[in-house]
């Protein structure tokens, strides 16, 4: 059963890396939003294209995230990412340890 345990461990680490990378993308998007970025800049467009689908879903489901001219949806997404890192990644690693 150790190949399955190794697969689960690898998936957990990969998922943890992807979640961490996406958190940095969200942070970059939030920092860039504080200034008036050029919308034609390829970096700004890439950050927008990577984050807007997720941020839009949060804004649509939780209308309170945009209050007083401040968008709180990046904070909500970062909290969800931290939860997934603490719960899902950790659960996969623990499950792999029990199998292996």
PDB file of N, CA and C in Angstrom:
ATOM      1  N   UNK A   1       0.809  -1.206   0.000  1.00  0.00           N
ATOM      2  CA  UNK A   1       0.000   0.000   0.000  1.00  0.00           C
ATOM      3  C   UNK A   1       0.854   1.273   0.000  1.00  0.00           C
ATOM      4  N   UNK A   2       2.166   1.117   0.101  1.00  0.00           N
ATOM      5  CA  UNK A   2       2.993   2.316   0.166  1.00  0.00           C
ATOM      6  C   UNK A   2       2.967   3.152  -1.118  1.00  0.00           C
ATOM      7  N   UNK A   3       2.717   2.570  -2.327  1.00  0.00           N
ATOM      8  CA  UNK A   3       2.622   3.458  -3.497  1.00  0.00           C
ATOM      9  C   UNK A   3       1.446   4.430  -3.387  1.00  0.00           C
ATOM     10  N   UNK A   4       0.336   3.960  -2.821  1.00  0.00           N
ATOM     11  CA  UNK A   4      -0.823   4.847  -2.637  1.00  0.00           C
ATOM     12  C   UNK A   4      -0.491   5.915  -1.606  1.00  0.00           C
ATOM     13  N   UNK A   5       0.209   5.538  -0.554  1.00  0.00           N
ATOM     14  CA  UNK A   5       0.607   6.514   0.462  1.00  0.00           C
ATOM     15  C   UNK A   5       1.551   7.556  -0.138  1.00  0.00           C
ATOM     16  N   UNK A   6       2.481   7.106  -0.967  1.00  0.00           N
ATOM     17  CA  UNK A   6       3.389   8.053  -1.624  1.00  0.00           C
ATOM     18  C   UNK A   6       2.635   8.969  -2.582  1.00  0.00           C
ATOM     19  N   UNK A   7       1.658   8.433  -3.285  1.00  0.00           N
ATOM     20  CA  UNK A   7       0.847   9.239  -4.191  1.00  0.00           C
ATOM     21  C   UNK A   7       0.075  10.306  -3.416  1.00  0.00           C
ATOM     22  N   UNK A   8      -0.535   9.911  -2.309  1.00  0.00           N
ATOM     23  CA  UNK A   8      -1.280  10.878  -1.492  1.00  0.00           C
ATOM     24  C   UNK A   8      -0.361  11.950  -0.916  1.00  0.00           C
ATOM     25  N   UNK A   9       0.818  11.551  -0.489  1.00  0.00           N
ATOM     26  CA  UNK A   9       1.777  12.524   0.033  1.00  0.00           C
ATOM     27  C   UNK A   9       2.203  13.504  -1.057  1.00  0.00           C
ATOM     28  N   UNK A  10       2.481  12.970  -2.233  1.00  0.00           N
ATOM     29  CA  UNK A  10       2.871  13.842  -3.347  1.00  0.00           C
ATOM     30  C   UNK A  10       1.743  14.787  -3.727  1.00  0.00           C
ATOM     31  N   UNK A  11       0.516  14.285  -3.766  1.00  0.00           N
ATOM     32  CA  UNK A  11      -0.633  15.145  -4.076  1.00  0.00           C
ATOM     33  C   UNK A  11      -0.825  16.229  -3.015  1.00  0.00           C
ATOM     34  N   UNK A  12      -0.623  15.855  -1.760  1.00  0.00           N
ATOM     35  CA  UNK A  12      -0.760  16.830  -0.685  1.00  0.00           C
ATOM     36  C   UNK A  12       0.278  17.940  -0.814  1.00  0.00           C
ATOM     37  N   UNK A  13       1.514  17.571  -1.103  1.00  0.00           N
ATOM     38  CA  UNK A  13       2.563  18.578  -1.247  1.00  0.00           C
ATOM     39  C   UNK A  13       2.327  19.450  -2.488  1.00  0.00           C
ATOM     40  N   UNK A  14       1.885  18.840  -3.565  1.00  0.00           N
ATOM     41  CA  UNK A  14       1.579  19.600  -4.778  1.00  0.00           C
ATOM     42  C   UNK A  14       0.429  20.571  -4.532  1.00  0.00           C
ATOM     43  N   UNK A  15      -0.615  20.095  -3.870  1.00  0.00           N
ATOM     44  CA  UNK A  15      -1.749  20.960  -3.545  1.00  0.00           C
ATOM     45  C   UNK A  15      -1.313  22.093  -2.629  1.00  0.00           C
ATOM     46  N   UNK A  16      -0.481  21.795  -1.656  1.00  0.00           N
ATOM     47  CA  UNK A  16       0.022  22.833  -0.762  1.00  0.00           C
ATOM     48  C   UNK A  16       0.823  23.882  -1.511  1.00  0.00           C
ATOM     49  N   UNK A  17       1.645  23.449  -2.470  1.00  0.00           N
ATOM     50  CA  UNK A  17       2.427  24.387  -3.271  1.00  0.00           C
ATOM     51  C   UNK A  17       1.515  25.262  -4.133  1.00  0.00           C
ATOM     52  N   UNK A  18       0.526  24.659  -4.780  1.00  0.00           N
ATOM     53  CA  UNK A  18      -0.390  25.413  -5.637  1.00  0.00           C
ATOM     54  C   UNK A  18      -1.174  26.430  -4.811  1.00  0.00           C
ATOM     55  N   UNK A  19      -1.644  26.028  -3.648  1.00  0.00           N
ATOM     56  CA  UNK A  19      -2.382  26.956  -2.787  1.00  0.00           C
ATOM     57  C   UNK A  19      -1.494  28.110  -2.324  1.00  0.00           C
ATOM     58  N   UNK A  20      -0.250  27.804  -1.964  1.00  0.00           N
ATOM     59  CA  UNK A  20       0.680  28.846  -1.528  1.00  0.00           C
ATOM     60  C   UNK A  20       0.984  29.814  -2.671  1.00  0.00           C
ATOM     61  N   UNK A  21       1.200  29.280  -3.863  1.00  0.00           N
ATOM     62  CA  UNK A  21       1.471  30.129  -5.022  1.00  0.00           C
ATOM     63  C   UNK A  21       0.274  31.021  -5.334  1.00  0.00           C
ATOM     64  N   UNK A  22      -0.926  30.459  -5.243  1.00  0.00           N
ATOM     65  CA  UNK A  22      -2.120  31.260  -5.521  1.00  0.00           C
ATOM     66  C   UNK A  22      -2.311  32.348  -4.460  1.00  0.00           C
ATOM     67  N   UNK A  23      -1.931  32.049  -3.233  1.00  0.00           N
ATOM     68  CA  UNK A  23      -2.017  33.080  -2.194  1.00  0.00           C
ATOM     69  C   UNK A  23      -1.122  34.252  -2.554  1.00  0.00           C
ATOM     70  N   UNK A  24       0.096  33.980  -3.051  1.00  0.00           N
ATOM     71  CA  UNK A  24       0.994  35.062  -3.446  1.00  0.00           C
ATOM     72  C   UNK A  24       0.443  35.838  -4.635  1.00  0.00           C
ATOM     73  N   UNK A  25      -0.254  35.157  -5.533  1.00  0.00           N
ATOM     74  CA  UNK A  25      -0.886  35.855  -6.660  1.00  0.00           C
ATOM     75  C   UNK A  25      -1.976  36.781  -6.143  1.00  0.00           C
ATOM     76  N   UNK A  26      -2.767  36.321  -5.188  1.00  0.00           N
ATOM     77  CA  UNK A  26      -3.819  37.157  -4.585  1.00  0.00           C
ATOM     78  C   UNK A  26      -3.191  38.363  -3.887  1.00  0.00           C
ATOM     79  N   UNK A  27      -2.106  38.141  -3.158  1.00  0.00           N
ATOM     80  CA  UNK A  27      -1.428  39.247  -2.474  1.00  0.00           C
ATOM     81  C   UNK A  27      -0.909  40.256  -3.494  1.00  0.00           C
ATOM     82  N   UNK A  28      -0.322  39.768  -4.577  1.00  0.00           N
ATOM     83  CA  UNK A  28       0.153  40.658  -5.631  1.00  0.00           C
ATOM     84  C   UNK A  28      -0.971  41.467  -6.237  1.00  0.00           C
ATOM     85  N   UNK A  29      -2.102  40.833  -6.469  1.00  0.00           N
ATOM     86  CA  UNK A  29      -3.264  41.540  -7.021  1.00  0.00           C
ATOM     87  C   UNK A  29      -3.744  42.609  -6.048  1.00  0.00           C
ATOM     88  N   UNK A  30      -3.769  42.291  -4.759  1.00  0.00           N
ATOM     89  CA  UNK A  30      -4.224  43.270  -3.771  1.00  0.00           C
ATOM     90  C   UNK A  30      -3.268  44.461  -3.704  1.00  0.00           C
ATOM     91  N   UNK A  31      -1.978  44.199  -3.732  1.00  0.00           N
ATOM     92  CA  UNK A  31      -0.999  45.292  -3.671  1.00  0.00           C
ATOM     93  C   UNK A  31      -1.094  46.173  -4.913  1.00  0.00           C
ATOM     94  N   UNK A  32      -1.230  45.554  -6.073  1.00  0.00           N
ATOM     95  CA  UNK A  32      -1.335  46.338  -7.304  1.00  0.00           C
ATOM     96  C   UNK A  32      -2.617  47.171  -7.316  1.00  0.00           C
ATOM     97  N   UNK A  33      -3.664  46.692  -6.668  1.00  0.00           N
ATOM     98  CA  UNK A  33      -4.920  47.442  -6.675  1.00  0.00           C
ATOM     99  C   UNK A  33      -4.829  48.730  -5.853  1.00  0.00           C
ATOM    100  N   UNK A  34      -3.829  48.851  -5.005  1.00  0.00           N
ATOM    101  CA  UNK A  34      -3.682  50.073  -4.207  1.00  0.00           C
ATOM    102  C   UNK A  34      -3.214  51.253  -5.044  1.00  0.00           C
ATOM    103  N   UNK A  35      -2.543  50.965  -6.147  1.00  0.00           N
ATOM    104  CA  UNK A  35      -2.098  52.026  -7.053  1.00  0.00           C
ATOM    105  C   UNK A  35      -3.004  51.990  -8.276  1.00  0.00           C
ATOM    106  N   UNK A  36      -2.819  52.904  -9.172  1.00  0.00           N
ATOM    107  CA  UNK A  36      -3.612  52.917 -10.392  1.00  0.00           C
ATOM    108  C   UNK A  36      -2.796  52.256 -11.501  1.00  0.00           C
ATOM    109  N   UNK A  37      -2.885  50.917 -11.629  1.00  0.00           N
ATOM    110  CA  UNK A  37      -2.031  50.232 -12.598  1.00  0.00           C
ATOM    111  C   UNK A  37      -2.532  50.439 -14.027  1.00  0.00           C
ATOM    112  N   UNK A  38      -1.608  50.316 -14.960  1.00  0.00           N
ATOM    113  CA  UNK A  38      -1.951  50.370 -16.372  1.00  0.00           C
ATOM    114  C   UNK A  38      -2.662  49.065 -16.742  1.00  0.00           C
ATOM    115  N   UNK A  39      -3.922  49.122 -17.161  1.00  0.00           N
ATOM    116  CA  UNK A  39      -4.647  47.882 -17.457  1.00  0.00           C
ATOM    117  C   UNK A  39      -4.108  47.116 -18.661  1.00  0.00           C
ATOM    118  N   UNK A  40      -3.235  47.737 -19.442  1.00  0.00           N
ATOM    119  CA  UNK A  40      -2.667  47.060 -20.607  1.00  0.00           C
ATOM    120  C   UNK A  40      -1.325  46.398 -20.293  1.00  0.00           C
ATOM    121  N   UNK A  41      -0.832  46.589 -19.076  1.00  0.00           N
ATOM    122  CA  UNK A  41       0.414  45.958 -18.661  1.00  0.00           C
ATOM    123  C   UNK A  41       0.192  44.450 -18.591  1.00  0.00           C
ATOM    124  N   UNK A  42       1.080  43.648 -19.190  1.00  0.00           N
ATOM    125  CA  UNK A  42       0.867  42.195 -19.192  1.00  0.00           C
ATOM    126  C   UNK A  42       0.850  41.570 -17.802  1.00  0.00           C
ATOM    127  N   UNK A  43       1.624  42.105 -16.878  1.00  0.00           N
ATOM    128  CA  UNK A  43       1.624  41.556 -15.514  1.00  0.00           C
ATOM    129  C   UNK A  43       0.284  41.833 -14.844  1.00  0.00           C
ATOM    130  N   UNK A  44      -0.222  43.038 -14.983  1.00  0.00           N
ATOM    131  CA  UNK A  44      -1.514  43.399 -14.399  1.00  0.00           C
ATOM    132  C   UNK A  44      -2.622  42.548 -15.014  1.00  0.00           C
ATOM    133  N   UNK A  45      -2.580  42.372 -16.322  1.00  0.00           N
ATOM    134  CA  UNK A  45      -3.601  41.556 -16.994  1.00  0.00           C
ATOM    135  C   UNK A  45      -3.526  40.096 -16.557  1.00  0.00           C
ATOM    136  N   UNK A  46      -2.313  39.582 -16.385  1.00  0.00           N
ATOM    137  CA  UNK A  46      -2.161  38.196 -15.941  1.00  0.00           C
ATOM    138  C   UNK A  46      -2.700  38.013 -14.531  1.00  0.00           C
ATOM    139  N   UNK A  47      -2.342  38.923 -13.624  1.00  0.00           N
ATOM    140  CA  UNK A  47      -2.859  38.842 -12.254  1.00  0.00           C
ATOM    141  C   UNK A  47      -4.380  38.927 -12.241  1.00  0.00           C
ATOM    142  N   UNK A  48      -4.913  39.821 -13.050  1.00  0.00           N
ATOM    143  CA  UNK A  48      -6.372  39.978 -13.117  1.00  0.00           C
ATOM    144  C   UNK A  48      -7.022  38.708 -13.654  1.00  0.00           C
ATOM    145  N   UNK A  49      -6.466  38.149 -14.724  1.00  0.00           N
ATOM    146  CA  UNK A  49      -7.047  36.939 -15.320  1.00  0.00           C
ATOM    147  C   UNK A  49      -6.955  35.733 -14.389  1.00  0.00           C
ATOM    148  N   UNK A  50      -5.905  35.661 -13.573  1.00  0.00           N
ATOM    149  CA  UNK A  50      -5.754  34.537 -12.648  1.00  0.00           C
ATOM    150  C   UNK A  50      -6.657  34.647 -11.422  1.00  0.00           C
ATOM    151  N   UNK A  51      -6.948  35.875 -10.994  1.00  0.00           N
ATOM    152  CA  UNK A  51      -7.661  36.038  -9.731  1.00  0.00           C
ATOM    153  C   UNK A  51      -9.133  36.418  -9.880  1.00  0.00           C
ATOM    154  N   UNK A  52      -9.477  37.087 -10.945  1.00  0.00           N
ATOM    155  CA  UNK A  52     -10.840  37.612 -11.050  1.00  0.00           C
ATOM    156  C   UNK A  52     -11.932  36.547 -11.021  1.00  0.00           C
ATOM    157  N   UNK A  53     -11.757  35.380 -11.649  1.00  0.00           N
ATOM    158  CA  UNK A  53     -12.835  34.381 -11.542  1.00  0.00           C
ATOM    159  C   UNK A  53     -13.143  33.981 -10.097  1.00  0.00           C
ATOM    160  N   UNK A  54     -12.112  33.810  -9.290  1.00  0.00           N
ATOM    161  CA  UNK A  54     -12.323  33.415  -7.891  1.00  0.00           C
ATOM    162  C   UNK A  54     -12.874  34.587  -7.087  1.00  0.00           C
ATOM    163  N   UNK A  55     -12.278  35.763  -7.249  1.00  0.00           N
ATOM    164  CA  UNK A  55     -12.743  36.935  -6.505  1.00  0.00           C
ATOM    165  C   UNK A  55     -14.173  37.293  -6.882  1.00  0.00           C
ATOM    166  N   UNK A  56     -14.532  37.136  -8.149  1.00  0.00           N
ATOM    167  CA  UNK A  56     -15.898  37.418  -8.578  1.00  0.00           C
ATOM    168  C   UNK A  56     -16.884  36.489  -7.884  1.00  0.00           C
ATOM    169  N   UNK A  57     -16.535  35.205  -7.798  1.00  0.00           N
ATOM    170  CA  UNK A  57     -17.431  34.251  -7.124  1.00  0.00           C
ATOM    171  C   UNK A  57     -17.618  34.608  -5.656  1.00  0.00           C
ATOM    172  N   UNK A  58     -16.557  35.049  -4.994  1.00  0.00           N
ATOM    173  CA  UNK A  58     -16.668  35.448  -3.584  1.00  0.00           C
ATOM    174  C   UNK A  58     -17.537  36.687  -3.466  1.00  0.00           C
ATOM    175  N   UNK A  59     -17.316  37.678  -4.333  1.00  0.00           N
ATOM    176  CA  UNK A  59     -18.126  38.902  -4.294  1.00  0.00           C
ATOM    177  C   UNK A  59     -19.589  38.609  -4.568  1.00  0.00           C
ATOM    178  N   UNK A  60     -19.864  37.662  -5.472  1.00  0.00           N
ATOM    179  CA  UNK A  60     -21.239  37.325  -5.819  1.00  0.00           C
ATOM    180  C   UNK A  60     -21.954  36.625  -4.656  1.00  0.00           C
ATOM    181  N   UNK A  61     -21.233  35.745  -3.970  1.00  0.00           N
ATOM    182  CA  UNK A  61     -21.851  34.973  -2.885  1.00  0.00           C
ATOM    183  C   UNK A  61     -21.880  35.729  -1.552  1.00  0.00           C
ATOM    184  N   UNK A  62     -20.911  36.612  -1.340  1.00  0.00           N
ATOM    185  CA  UNK A  62     -20.833  37.371  -0.096  1.00  0.00           C
ATOM    186  C   UNK A  62     -20.830  38.864  -0.428  1.00  0.00           C
ATOM    187  N   UNK A  63     -22.004  39.459  -0.544  1.00  0.00           N
ATOM    188  CA  UNK A  63     -22.059  40.860  -0.986  1.00  0.00           C
ATOM    189  C   UNK A  63     -21.432  41.852  -0.003  1.00  0.00           C
ATOM    190  N   UNK A  64     -21.214  41.451   1.232  1.00  0.00           N
ATOM    191  CA  UNK A  64     -20.618  42.362   2.214  1.00  0.00           C
ATOM    192  C   UNK A  64     -19.119  42.559   2.001  1.00  0.00           C
ATOM    193  N   UNK A  65     -18.525  41.844   1.048  1.00  0.00           N
ATOM    194  CA  UNK A  65     -17.073  41.944   0.875  1.00  0.00           C
ATOM    195  C   UNK A  65     -16.646  43.265   0.253  1.00  0.00           C
ATOM    196  N   UNK A  66     -17.574  44.021  -0.303  1.00  0.00           N
ATOM    197  CA  UNK A  66     -17.225  45.327  -0.855  1.00  0.00           C
ATOM    198  C   UNK A  66     -17.947  46.388  -0.040  1.00  0.00           C
ATOM    199  N   UNK A  67     -17.249  46.910   0.966  1.00  0.00           N
ATOM    200  CA  UNK A  67     -17.842  47.909   1.842  1.00  0.00           C
ATOM    201  C   UNK A  67     -16.934  49.123   1.924  1.00  0.00           C
ATOM    202  N   UNK A  68     -17.534  50.277   1.984  1.00  0.00           N
ATOM    203  CA  UNK A  68     -16.812  51.546   2.137  1.00  0.00           C
ATOM    204  C   UNK A  68     -15.731  51.732   1.076  1.00  0.00           C
ATOM    205  N   UNK A  69     -15.992  51.279  -0.138  1.00  0.00           N
ATOM    206  CA  UNK A  69     -15.031  51.432  -1.210  1.00  0.00           C
ATOM    207  C   UNK A  69     -13.832  50.519  -1.105  1.00  0.00           C
ATOM    208  N   UNK A  70     -13.887  49.554  -0.218  1.00  0.00           N
ATOM    209  CA  UNK A  70     -12.761  48.634  -0.021  1.00  0.00           C
ATOM    210  C   UNK A  70     -13.214  47.213  -0.328  1.00  0.00           C
ATOM    211  N   UNK A  71     -12.469  46.536  -1.189  1.00  0.00           N
ATOM    212  CA  UNK A  71     -12.797  45.169  -1.581  1.00  0.00           C
ATOM    213  C   UNK A  71     -12.135  44.198  -0.605  1.00  0.00           C
ATOM    214  N   UNK A  72     -12.960  43.464   0.135  1.00  0.00           N
ATOM    215  CA  UNK A  72     -12.449  42.510   1.119  1.00  0.00           C
ATOM    216  C   UNK A  72     -12.385  41.088   0.578  1.00  0.00           C
ATOM    217  N   UNK A  73     -12.759  40.892  -0.680  1.00  0.00           N
ATOM    218  CA  UNK A  73     -12.766  39.532  -1.229  1.00  0.00           C
ATOM    219  C   UNK A  73     -11.378  38.876  -1.249  1.00  0.00           C
ATOM    220  N   UNK A  74     -10.261  39.616  -1.471  1.00  0.00           N
ATOM    221  CA  UNK A  74      -8.956  38.937  -1.377  1.00  0.00           C
ATOM    222  C   UNK A  74      -8.688  38.375   0.023  1.00  0.00           C
ATOM    223  N   UNK A  75      -9.146  39.067   1.049  1.00  0.00           N
ATOM    224  CA  UNK A  75      -8.955  38.573   2.417  1.00  0.00           C
ATOM    225  C   UNK A  75      -9.751  37.292   2.619  1.00  0.00           C
ATOM    226  N   UNK A  76     -10.985  37.263   2.112  1.00  0.00           N
ATOM    227  CA  UNK A  76     -11.819  36.062   2.239  1.00  0.00           C
ATOM    228  C   UNK A  76     -11.167  34.892   1.504  1.00  0.00           C
ATOM    229  N   UNK A  77     -10.652  35.141   0.298  1.00  0.00           N
ATOM    230  CA  UNK A  77     -10.003  34.073  -0.467  1.00  0.00           C
ATOM    231  C   UNK A  77      -8.749  33.582   0.256  1.00  0.00           C
ATOM    232  N   UNK A  78      -7.979  34.498   0.834  1.00  0.00           N
ATOM    233  CA  UNK A  78      -6.780  34.082   1.569  1.00  0.00           C
ATOM    234  C   UNK A  78      -7.153  33.256   2.805  1.00  0.00           C
ATOM    235  N   UNK A  79      -8.241  33.589   3.473  1.00  0.00           N
ATOM    236  CA  UNK A  79      -8.697  32.785   4.610  1.00  0.00           C
ATOM    237  C   UNK A  79      -9.125  31.390   4.153  1.00  0.00           C
ATOM    238  N   UNK A  80      -9.782  31.313   3.014  1.00  0.00           N
ATOM    239  CA  UNK A  80     -10.180  30.005   2.468  1.00  0.00           C
ATOM    240  C   UNK A  80      -8.940  29.189   2.121  1.00  0.00           C
ATOM    241  N   UNK A  81      -7.943  29.824   1.527  1.00  0.00           N
ATOM    242  CA  UNK A  81      -6.700  29.120   1.186  1.00  0.00           C
ATOM    243  C   UNK A  81      -6.009  28.623   2.450  1.00  0.00           C
ATOM    244  N   UNK A  82      -5.951  29.446   3.489  1.00  0.00           N
ATOM    245  CA  UNK A  82      -5.324  29.012   4.750  1.00  0.00           C
ATOM    246  C   UNK A  82      -6.084  27.842   5.359  1.00  0.00           C
ATOM    247  N   UNK A  83      -7.421  27.859   5.271  1.00  0.00           N
ATOM    248  CA  UNK A  83      -8.216  26.744   5.770  1.00  0.00           C
ATOM    249  C   UNK A  83      -7.903  25.471   4.989  1.00  0.00           C
ATOM    250  N   UNK A  84      -7.856  25.595   3.661  1.00  0.00           N
ATOM    251  CA  UNK A  84      -7.563  24.417   2.842  1.00  0.00           C
ATOM    252  C   UNK A  84      -6.167  23.866   3.116  1.00  0.00           C
ATOM    253  N   UNK A  85      -5.202  24.754   3.350  1.00  0.00           N
ATOM    254  CA  UNK A  85      -3.853  24.286   3.678  1.00  0.00           C
ATOM    255  C   UNK A  85      -3.842  23.573   5.026  1.00  0.00           C
ATOM    256  N   UNK A  86      -4.559  24.115   5.985  1.00  0.00           N
ATOM    257  CA  UNK A  86      -4.563  23.509   7.323  1.00  0.00           C
ATOM    258  C   UNK A  86      -5.381  22.228   7.371  1.00  0.00           C
ATOM    259  N   UNK A  87      -6.482  22.189   6.638  1.00  0.00           N
ATOM    260  CA  UNK A  87      -7.375  21.040   6.736  1.00  0.00           C
ATOM    261  C   UNK A  87      -7.104  19.997   5.657  1.00  0.00           C
ATOM    262  N   UNK A  88      -7.236  20.385   4.398  1.00  0.00           N
ATOM    263  CA  UNK A  88      -7.184  19.416   3.314  1.00  0.00           C
ATOM    264  C   UNK A  88      -5.790  18.834   3.117  1.00  0.00           C
ATOM    265  N   UNK A  89      -4.786  19.690   3.053  1.00  0.00           N
ATOM    266  CA  UNK A  89      -3.422  19.205   2.857  1.00  0.00           C
ATOM    267  C   UNK A  89      -2.999  18.353   4.040  1.00  0.00           C
ATOM    268  N   UNK A  90      -3.293  18.820   5.222  1.00  0.00           N
ATOM    269  CA  UNK A  90      -2.926  18.069   6.432  1.00  0.00           C
ATOM    270  C   UNK A  90      -3.643  16.719   6.491  1.00  0.00           C
ATOM    271  N   UNK A  91      -4.924  16.695   6.082  1.00  0.00           N
ATOM    272  CA  UNK A  91      -5.684  15.451   6.071  1.00  0.00           C
ATOM    273  C   UNK A  91      -5.090  14.451   5.083  1.00  0.00           C
ATOM    274  N   UNK A  92      -4.689  14.922   3.916  1.00  0.00           N
ATOM    275  CA  UNK A  92      -4.076  14.013   2.937  1.00  0.00           C
ATOM    276  C   UNK A  92      -2.754  13.450   3.458  1.00  0.00           C
ATOM    277  N   UNK A  93      -1.972  14.279   4.102  1.00  0.00           N
ATOM    278  CA  UNK A  93      -0.704  13.796   4.666  1.00  0.00           C
ATOM    279  C   UNK A  93      -0.950  12.787   5.785  1.00  0.00           C
ATOM    280  N   UNK A  94      -1.901  13.056   6.664  1.00  0.00           N
ATOM    281  CA  UNK A  94      -2.222  12.110   7.731  1.00  0.00           C
ATOM    282  C   UNK A  94      -2.774  10.803   7.189  1.00  0.00           C
ATOM    283  N   UNK A  95      -3.608  10.911   6.154  1.00  0.00           N
ATOM    284  CA  UNK A  95      -4.168   9.694   5.542  1.00  0.00           C
ATOM    285  C   UNK A  95      -3.060   8.864   4.917  1.00  0.00           C
ATOM    286  N   UNK A  96      -2.119   9.515   4.265  1.00  0.00           N
ATOM    287  CA  UNK A  96      -0.996   8.794   3.669  1.00  0.00           C
ATOM    288  C   UNK A  96      -0.140   8.115   4.739  1.00  0.00           C
ATOM    289  N   UNK A  97       0.008   8.773   5.877  1.00  0.00           N
ATOM    290  CA  UNK A  97       0.795   8.191   6.965  1.00  0.00           C
ATOM    291  C   UNK A  97       0.095   6.948   7.532  1.00  0.00           C
ATOM    292  N   UNK A  98      -1.211   6.955   7.588  1.00  0.00           N
ATOM    293  CA  UNK A  98      -1.932   5.782   8.112  1.00  0.00           C
ATOM    294  C   UNK A  98      -1.932   4.625   7.137  1.00  0.00           C
ATOM    295  N   UNK A  99      -1.971   4.932   5.847  1.00  0.00           N
ATOM    296  CA  UNK A  99      -1.972   3.879   4.840  1.00  0.00           C
ATOM    297  C   UNK A  99      -0.591   3.216   4.746  1.00  0.00           C
ATOM    298  N   UNK A 100       0.442   4.079   4.767  1.00  0.00           N
ATOM    299  CA  UNK A 100       1.813   3.592   4.539  1.00  0.00           C
ATOM    300  C   UNK A 100       2.441   3.013   5.694  1.00  0.00           C
TER     301      UNK A 100
END
